[in-house]
């Protein structure tokens, strides 16, 4: 089966040459999303971890919906934070609202020294199509 490459009109404009998501078999690999505005890429990123996390999850939701999926299909999440100690608690407060108890995906969170566009959080996902 050939991979399916998704470049979605309702998702944020890519900040580099990539697809929003790639399907391989029943797996859908969602490219890391920043807190960019999908309607106006020139707008600055929101201030603070809570605002950026909400926007990141809004952008991830747009990509998943564009692939006819939702957060219930997500099996793995990777989180990248530029200031781990400062932002880990605030990120987790928002993250906990995105997935129901007992149905949270596997997860890795790492501290990094820089993200594109000056973001302080980026999240990518692996989803599975039932």
N, C-alpha and C. Protein backbone atom coordinates (compact mmCIF):
# COMPACT_ATOMS: atom_id res chain seq x y z
N UNK A 1 0.84 -1.18 0.00
CA UNK A 1 0.00 0.00 0.00
C UNK A 1 0.88 1.24 0.00
N UNK A 2 0.58 2.16 -0.87
CA UNK A 2 1.33 3.41 -0.97
C UNK A 2 0.93 4.38 0.14
N UNK A 3 1.87 5.13 0.69
CA UNK A 3 1.51 6.15 1.68
C UNK A 3 0.62 7.22 1.06
N UNK A 4 -0.20 7.82 1.90
CA UNK A 4 -1.05 8.94 1.49
C UNK A 4 -0.51 10.18 2.19
N UNK A 5 -0.20 11.21 1.41
CA UNK A 5 0.37 12.45 1.94
C UNK A 5 -0.72 13.52 1.99
N UNK A 6 -0.98 14.05 3.17
CA UNK A 6 -2.05 15.03 3.37
C UNK A 6 -1.46 16.43 3.53
N UNK A 7 -1.86 17.34 2.67
CA UNK A 7 -1.62 18.77 2.83
C UNK A 7 -3.00 19.40 2.88
N UNK A 8 -3.42 19.85 4.06
CA UNK A 8 -4.82 20.17 4.32
C UNK A 8 -5.08 21.67 4.29
N UNK A 9 -6.15 22.12 3.62
CA UNK A 9 -6.41 23.55 3.49
C UNK A 9 -6.79 24.25 4.80
N UNK A 10 -7.38 23.54 5.76
CA UNK A 10 -7.81 24.17 7.02
C UNK A 10 -6.75 24.11 8.11
N UNK A 11 -5.62 23.47 7.84
CA UNK A 11 -4.55 23.37 8.83
C UNK A 11 -3.58 24.54 8.64
N UNK A 12 -2.74 24.80 9.65
CA UNK A 12 -1.78 25.90 9.52
C UNK A 12 -0.84 25.71 8.35
N UNK A 13 -0.41 26.81 7.78
CA UNK A 13 0.56 26.76 6.70
C UNK A 13 1.85 26.14 7.23
N UNK A 14 2.39 25.13 6.54
CA UNK A 14 3.65 24.54 6.99
C UNK A 14 4.77 25.58 7.06
N UNK A 15 5.59 25.48 8.11
CA UNK A 15 6.71 26.41 8.27
C UNK A 15 7.97 25.88 7.56
N UNK A 16 7.88 24.71 6.96
CA UNK A 16 8.97 24.09 6.21
C UNK A 16 8.34 23.15 5.18
N UNK A 17 9.13 22.53 4.31
CA UNK A 17 8.55 21.62 3.31
C UNK A 17 8.19 20.26 3.92
N UNK A 18 6.92 20.07 4.25
CA UNK A 18 6.42 18.80 4.79
C UNK A 18 4.93 18.69 4.58
N UNK A 19 4.40 17.50 4.79
CA UNK A 19 2.95 17.24 4.76
C UNK A 19 2.41 17.42 6.17
N UNK A 20 1.14 17.77 6.29
CA UNK A 20 0.51 17.86 7.61
C UNK A 20 0.43 16.49 8.27
N UNK A 21 0.19 15.47 7.46
CA UNK A 21 0.09 14.09 7.96
C UNK A 21 0.41 13.14 6.83
N UNK A 22 0.89 11.96 7.22
CA UNK A 22 1.15 10.91 6.24
C UNK A 22 0.54 9.62 6.78
N UNK A 23 -0.27 8.97 5.93
CA UNK A 23 -0.86 7.68 6.29
C UNK A 23 -0.01 6.57 5.70
N UNK A 24 0.28 5.59 6.56
CA UNK A 24 0.99 4.39 6.12
C UNK A 24 0.25 3.21 6.75
N UNK A 25 -0.45 2.46 5.93
CA UNK A 25 -1.31 1.39 6.47
C UNK A 25 -2.41 2.03 7.31
N UNK A 26 -2.59 1.53 8.52
CA UNK A 26 -3.63 2.10 9.38
C UNK A 26 -3.10 3.22 10.27
N UNK A 27 -1.80 3.52 10.17
CA UNK A 27 -1.21 4.57 10.99
C UNK A 27 -1.22 5.91 10.27
N UNK A 28 -1.48 6.99 11.04
CA UNK A 28 -1.43 8.35 10.51
C UNK A 28 -0.43 9.12 11.37
N UNK A 29 0.64 9.58 10.75
CA UNK A 29 1.70 10.31 11.42
C UNK A 29 1.44 11.81 11.22
N UNK A 30 1.15 12.50 12.32
CA UNK A 30 0.80 13.91 12.27
C UNK A 30 2.04 14.74 12.59
N UNK A 31 2.39 15.61 11.67
CA UNK A 31 3.56 16.48 11.84
C UNK A 31 3.38 17.37 13.07
N UNK A 32 4.48 17.65 13.74
CA UNK A 32 4.45 18.53 14.90
C UNK A 32 3.82 19.86 14.57
N UNK A 33 2.96 20.31 15.47
CA UNK A 33 2.28 21.58 15.29
C UNK A 33 2.76 22.59 16.32
N UNK A 34 2.92 23.81 15.86
CA UNK A 34 3.23 24.95 16.71
C UNK A 34 1.94 25.73 16.95
N UNK A 35 2.05 26.83 17.66
CA UNK A 35 0.89 27.66 17.98
C UNK A 35 0.66 28.74 16.92
N UNK A 36 0.91 28.41 15.67
CA UNK A 36 0.68 29.37 14.59
C UNK A 36 -0.81 29.50 14.31
N UNK A 37 -1.20 30.64 13.74
CA UNK A 37 -2.60 30.88 13.41
C UNK A 37 -2.86 30.34 12.00
N UNK A 38 -3.78 29.39 11.85
CA UNK A 38 -4.02 28.80 10.52
C UNK A 38 -4.64 29.78 9.53
N UNK A 39 -5.27 30.85 10.04
CA UNK A 39 -5.92 31.81 9.15
C UNK A 39 -5.00 32.96 8.76
N UNK A 40 -4.00 33.25 9.59
CA UNK A 40 -3.06 34.35 9.31
C UNK A 40 -1.70 33.99 9.89
N UNK A 41 -0.88 33.37 9.07
CA UNK A 41 0.43 32.90 9.49
C UNK A 41 1.35 34.03 9.95
N UNK A 42 1.04 35.26 9.58
CA UNK A 42 1.89 36.40 9.95
C UNK A 42 1.66 36.84 11.40
N UNK A 43 0.57 36.39 12.03
CA UNK A 43 0.31 36.79 13.41
C UNK A 43 1.36 36.20 14.35
N UNK A 44 1.71 36.94 15.40
CA UNK A 44 2.67 36.38 16.37
C UNK A 44 2.04 35.21 17.13
N UNK A 45 2.89 34.35 17.66
CA UNK A 45 2.40 33.25 18.48
C UNK A 45 1.84 33.81 19.78
N UNK A 46 0.83 33.15 20.36
CA UNK A 46 0.29 33.64 21.63
C UNK A 46 1.34 33.58 22.74
N UNK A 47 1.16 34.39 23.77
CA UNK A 47 2.08 34.42 24.91
C UNK A 47 1.72 33.33 25.92
N UNK A 48 2.74 32.67 26.45
CA UNK A 48 2.56 31.75 27.56
C UNK A 48 2.26 30.32 27.14
N UNK A 49 2.60 29.41 28.03
CA UNK A 49 2.44 27.98 27.73
C UNK A 49 0.98 27.57 27.58
N UNK A 50 0.10 28.11 28.41
CA UNK A 50 -1.31 27.71 28.32
C UNK A 50 -1.90 28.12 26.98
N UNK A 51 -1.68 29.37 26.58
CA UNK A 51 -2.23 29.85 25.30
C UNK A 51 -1.62 29.11 24.12
N UNK A 52 -0.30 28.89 24.17
CA UNK A 52 0.32 28.16 23.05
C UNK A 52 -0.14 26.71 23.01
N UNK A 53 -0.30 26.08 24.16
CA UNK A 53 -0.76 24.68 24.18
C UNK A 53 -2.17 24.58 23.61
N UNK A 54 -3.06 25.48 24.00
CA UNK A 54 -4.43 25.45 23.44
C UNK A 54 -4.40 25.58 21.92
N UNK A 55 -3.58 26.50 21.42
CA UNK A 55 -3.50 26.72 19.98
C UNK A 55 -2.89 25.51 19.27
N UNK A 56 -1.87 24.91 19.87
CA UNK A 56 -1.26 23.71 19.30
C UNK A 56 -2.32 22.61 19.17
N UNK A 57 -3.12 22.40 20.22
CA UNK A 57 -4.13 21.34 20.16
C UNK A 57 -5.25 21.70 19.18
N UNK A 58 -5.56 22.97 19.03
CA UNK A 58 -6.52 23.37 18.00
C UNK A 58 -5.97 23.02 16.61
N UNK A 59 -4.69 23.29 16.40
CA UNK A 59 -4.08 22.97 15.11
C UNK A 59 -4.00 21.46 14.87
N UNK A 60 -3.67 20.70 15.91
CA UNK A 60 -3.67 19.24 15.78
C UNK A 60 -5.07 18.72 15.46
N UNK A 61 -6.08 19.29 16.10
CA UNK A 61 -7.47 18.90 15.84
C UNK A 61 -7.83 19.16 14.37
N UNK A 62 -7.38 20.27 13.83
CA UNK A 62 -7.65 20.58 12.43
C UNK A 62 -7.03 19.52 11.51
N UNK A 63 -5.79 19.12 11.82
CA UNK A 63 -5.13 18.11 11.00
C UNK A 63 -5.86 16.77 11.12
N UNK A 64 -6.16 16.36 12.35
CA UNK A 64 -6.87 15.09 12.54
C UNK A 64 -8.22 15.10 11.82
N UNK A 65 -8.98 16.17 11.98
CA UNK A 65 -10.29 16.25 11.31
C UNK A 65 -10.13 16.21 9.79
N UNK A 66 -9.07 16.85 9.28
CA UNK A 66 -8.81 16.83 7.85
C UNK A 66 -8.53 15.42 7.34
N UNK A 67 -8.07 14.56 8.25
CA UNK A 67 -7.84 13.14 7.91
C UNK A 67 -9.01 12.26 8.35
N UNK A 68 -10.12 12.86 8.75
CA UNK A 68 -11.32 12.16 9.22
C UNK A 68 -11.03 11.34 10.48
N UNK A 69 -10.27 11.95 11.41
CA UNK A 69 -9.93 11.34 12.69
C UNK A 69 -10.18 12.34 13.80
N UNK A 70 -10.01 11.88 15.06
CA UNK A 70 -10.07 12.79 16.20
C UNK A 70 -9.10 12.31 17.26
N UNK A 71 -9.08 12.99 18.41
CA UNK A 71 -8.12 12.64 19.45
C UNK A 71 -8.31 11.22 19.98
N UNK A 72 -9.48 10.64 19.81
CA UNK A 72 -9.72 9.26 20.21
C UNK A 72 -8.93 8.25 19.40
N UNK A 73 -8.42 8.67 18.23
CA UNK A 73 -7.61 7.79 17.39
C UNK A 73 -6.11 7.86 17.72
N UNK A 74 -5.73 8.79 18.58
CA UNK A 74 -4.31 9.04 18.85
C UNK A 74 -3.76 7.98 19.80
N UNK A 75 -2.63 7.37 19.41
CA UNK A 75 -2.01 6.33 20.23
C UNK A 75 -0.65 6.74 20.80
N UNK A 76 -0.04 7.79 20.25
CA UNK A 76 1.26 8.25 20.72
C UNK A 76 1.38 9.75 20.52
N UNK A 77 1.93 10.41 21.53
CA UNK A 77 2.14 11.86 21.48
C UNK A 77 3.58 12.15 21.88
N UNK A 78 4.21 13.07 21.15
CA UNK A 78 5.53 13.56 21.55
C UNK A 78 5.43 15.06 21.73
N UNK A 79 5.97 15.53 22.87
CA UNK A 79 5.89 16.93 23.25
C UNK A 79 7.30 17.48 23.36
N UNK A 80 7.49 18.67 22.82
CA UNK A 80 8.78 19.35 22.87
C UNK A 80 8.58 20.71 23.55
N UNK A 81 9.29 20.94 24.65
CA UNK A 81 9.18 22.18 25.42
C UNK A 81 10.54 22.87 25.46
N UNK A 82 10.56 24.19 25.23
CA UNK A 82 11.83 24.91 25.27
C UNK A 82 12.25 25.27 26.69
N UNK A 83 11.32 25.31 27.63
CA UNK A 83 11.66 25.54 29.04
C UNK A 83 10.90 24.50 29.87
N UNK A 84 11.47 23.32 29.97
CA UNK A 84 10.80 22.17 30.57
C UNK A 84 10.32 22.46 31.99
N UNK A 85 11.21 22.95 32.84
CA UNK A 85 10.85 23.16 34.25
C UNK A 85 9.73 24.18 34.41
N UNK A 86 9.78 25.27 33.65
CA UNK A 86 8.76 26.31 33.75
C UNK A 86 7.43 25.84 33.18
N UNK A 87 7.45 25.15 32.03
CA UNK A 87 6.23 24.93 31.27
C UNK A 87 5.57 23.57 31.42
N UNK A 88 6.27 22.60 32.01
CA UNK A 88 5.71 21.26 32.14
C UNK A 88 4.38 21.24 32.90
N UNK A 89 4.26 21.88 34.06
CA UNK A 89 2.97 21.86 34.76
C UNK A 89 1.84 22.53 33.98
N UNK A 90 2.10 23.68 33.40
CA UNK A 90 1.06 24.38 32.64
C UNK A 90 0.64 23.61 31.41
N UNK A 91 1.60 22.99 30.73
CA UNK A 91 1.27 22.16 29.58
C UNK A 91 0.37 21.00 30.01
N UNK A 92 0.75 20.32 31.08
CA UNK A 92 -0.02 19.15 31.54
C UNK A 92 -1.44 19.52 31.93
N UNK A 93 -1.64 20.70 32.47
CA UNK A 93 -3.00 21.13 32.85
C UNK A 93 -3.91 21.18 31.62
N UNK A 94 -3.40 21.68 30.50
CA UNK A 94 -4.19 21.74 29.26
C UNK A 94 -4.27 20.35 28.62
N UNK A 95 -3.16 19.65 28.59
CA UNK A 95 -3.10 18.32 27.97
C UNK A 95 -4.14 17.38 28.59
N UNK A 96 -4.27 17.42 29.90
CA UNK A 96 -5.20 16.51 30.61
C UNK A 96 -6.64 16.69 30.14
N UNK A 97 -6.98 17.85 29.59
CA UNK A 97 -8.35 18.09 29.12
C UNK A 97 -8.59 17.55 27.71
N UNK A 98 -7.54 17.14 27.02
CA UNK A 98 -7.66 16.73 25.62
C UNK A 98 -8.02 15.26 25.44
N UNK A 99 -7.72 14.45 26.45
CA UNK A 99 -7.95 13.01 26.36
C UNK A 99 -8.68 12.54 27.61
N UNK A 100 -9.66 11.65 27.47
CA UNK A 100 -10.39 11.17 28.65
C UNK A 100 -9.54 10.26 29.52
N UNK A 101 -9.81 10.27 30.83
CA UNK A 101 -9.13 9.34 31.74
C UNK A 101 -9.29 7.92 31.23
N UNK A 102 -8.23 7.15 31.33
CA UNK A 102 -8.28 5.76 30.89
C UNK A 102 -8.08 5.56 29.41
N UNK A 103 -8.03 6.66 28.64
CA UNK A 103 -7.84 6.55 27.19
C UNK A 103 -6.79 7.55 26.72
N UNK A 104 -5.76 7.71 27.54
CA UNK A 104 -4.70 8.64 27.18
C UNK A 104 -3.62 7.88 26.40
N UNK A 105 -3.11 8.52 25.33
CA UNK A 105 -2.10 7.84 24.51
C UNK A 105 -0.76 7.72 25.23
N UNK A 106 0.09 6.85 24.70
CA UNK A 106 1.48 6.81 25.15
C UNK A 106 2.09 8.18 24.86
N UNK A 107 3.17 8.51 25.59
CA UNK A 107 3.64 9.89 25.49
C UNK A 107 5.12 9.99 25.85
N UNK A 108 5.80 10.91 25.17
CA UNK A 108 7.17 11.29 25.49
C UNK A 108 7.21 12.81 25.54
N UNK A 109 7.87 13.36 26.55
CA UNK A 109 8.04 14.81 26.66
C UNK A 109 9.52 15.10 26.83
N UNK A 110 10.05 15.99 26.01
CA UNK A 110 11.46 16.33 26.08
C UNK A 110 11.66 17.84 26.09
N UNK A 111 12.73 18.26 26.74
CA UNK A 111 13.15 19.65 26.69
C UNK A 111 14.09 19.85 25.52
N UNK A 112 13.88 20.92 24.79
CA UNK A 112 14.71 21.26 23.63
C UNK A 112 15.19 22.70 23.77
N UNK A 113 16.22 23.06 23.01
CA UNK A 113 16.73 24.42 23.17
C UNK A 113 16.08 25.43 22.25
N UNK A 114 15.35 24.97 21.20
CA UNK A 114 14.73 25.94 20.29
C UNK A 114 13.70 25.23 19.43
N UNK A 115 12.64 25.97 19.08
CA UNK A 115 11.62 25.50 18.14
C UNK A 115 11.43 26.56 17.06
N UNK A 116 10.90 26.14 15.91
CA UNK A 116 10.64 27.06 14.81
C UNK A 116 9.70 28.17 15.26
N UNK A 117 9.83 29.31 14.61
CA UNK A 117 8.96 30.47 14.84
C UNK A 117 8.99 30.99 16.27
N UNK A 118 9.98 30.58 17.07
CA UNK A 118 10.07 31.05 18.44
C UNK A 118 9.06 30.40 19.37
N UNK A 119 8.47 29.28 18.94
CA UNK A 119 7.49 28.58 19.77
C UNK A 119 8.13 28.05 21.04
N UNK A 120 7.30 27.85 22.06
CA UNK A 120 7.78 27.27 23.31
C UNK A 120 7.26 25.85 23.49
N UNK A 121 6.34 25.41 22.61
CA UNK A 121 5.82 24.05 22.66
C UNK A 121 5.50 23.59 21.23
N UNK A 122 5.81 22.33 20.96
CA UNK A 122 5.42 21.68 19.71
C UNK A 122 4.99 20.27 20.06
N UNK A 123 3.96 19.79 19.37
CA UNK A 123 3.43 18.45 19.65
C UNK A 123 3.20 17.74 18.32
N UNK A 124 3.68 16.48 18.24
CA UNK A 124 3.32 15.64 17.11
C UNK A 124 2.60 14.40 17.63
N UNK A 125 1.97 13.67 16.72
CA UNK A 125 1.13 12.54 17.13
C UNK A 125 1.20 11.41 16.12
N UNK A 126 0.89 10.24 16.62
CA UNK A 126 0.63 9.08 15.77
C UNK A 126 -0.79 8.64 16.10
N UNK A 127 -1.60 8.53 15.07
CA UNK A 127 -2.98 8.07 15.23
C UNK A 127 -3.14 6.76 14.46
N UNK A 128 -4.19 6.04 14.79
CA UNK A 128 -4.47 4.80 14.08
C UNK A 128 -5.91 4.85 13.58
N UNK A 129 -6.06 4.43 12.34
CA UNK A 129 -7.40 4.40 11.74
C UNK A 129 -8.00 3.03 12.05
N UNK A 130 -9.17 3.03 12.67
CA UNK A 130 -9.81 1.76 13.08
C UNK A 130 -10.23 0.97 11.86
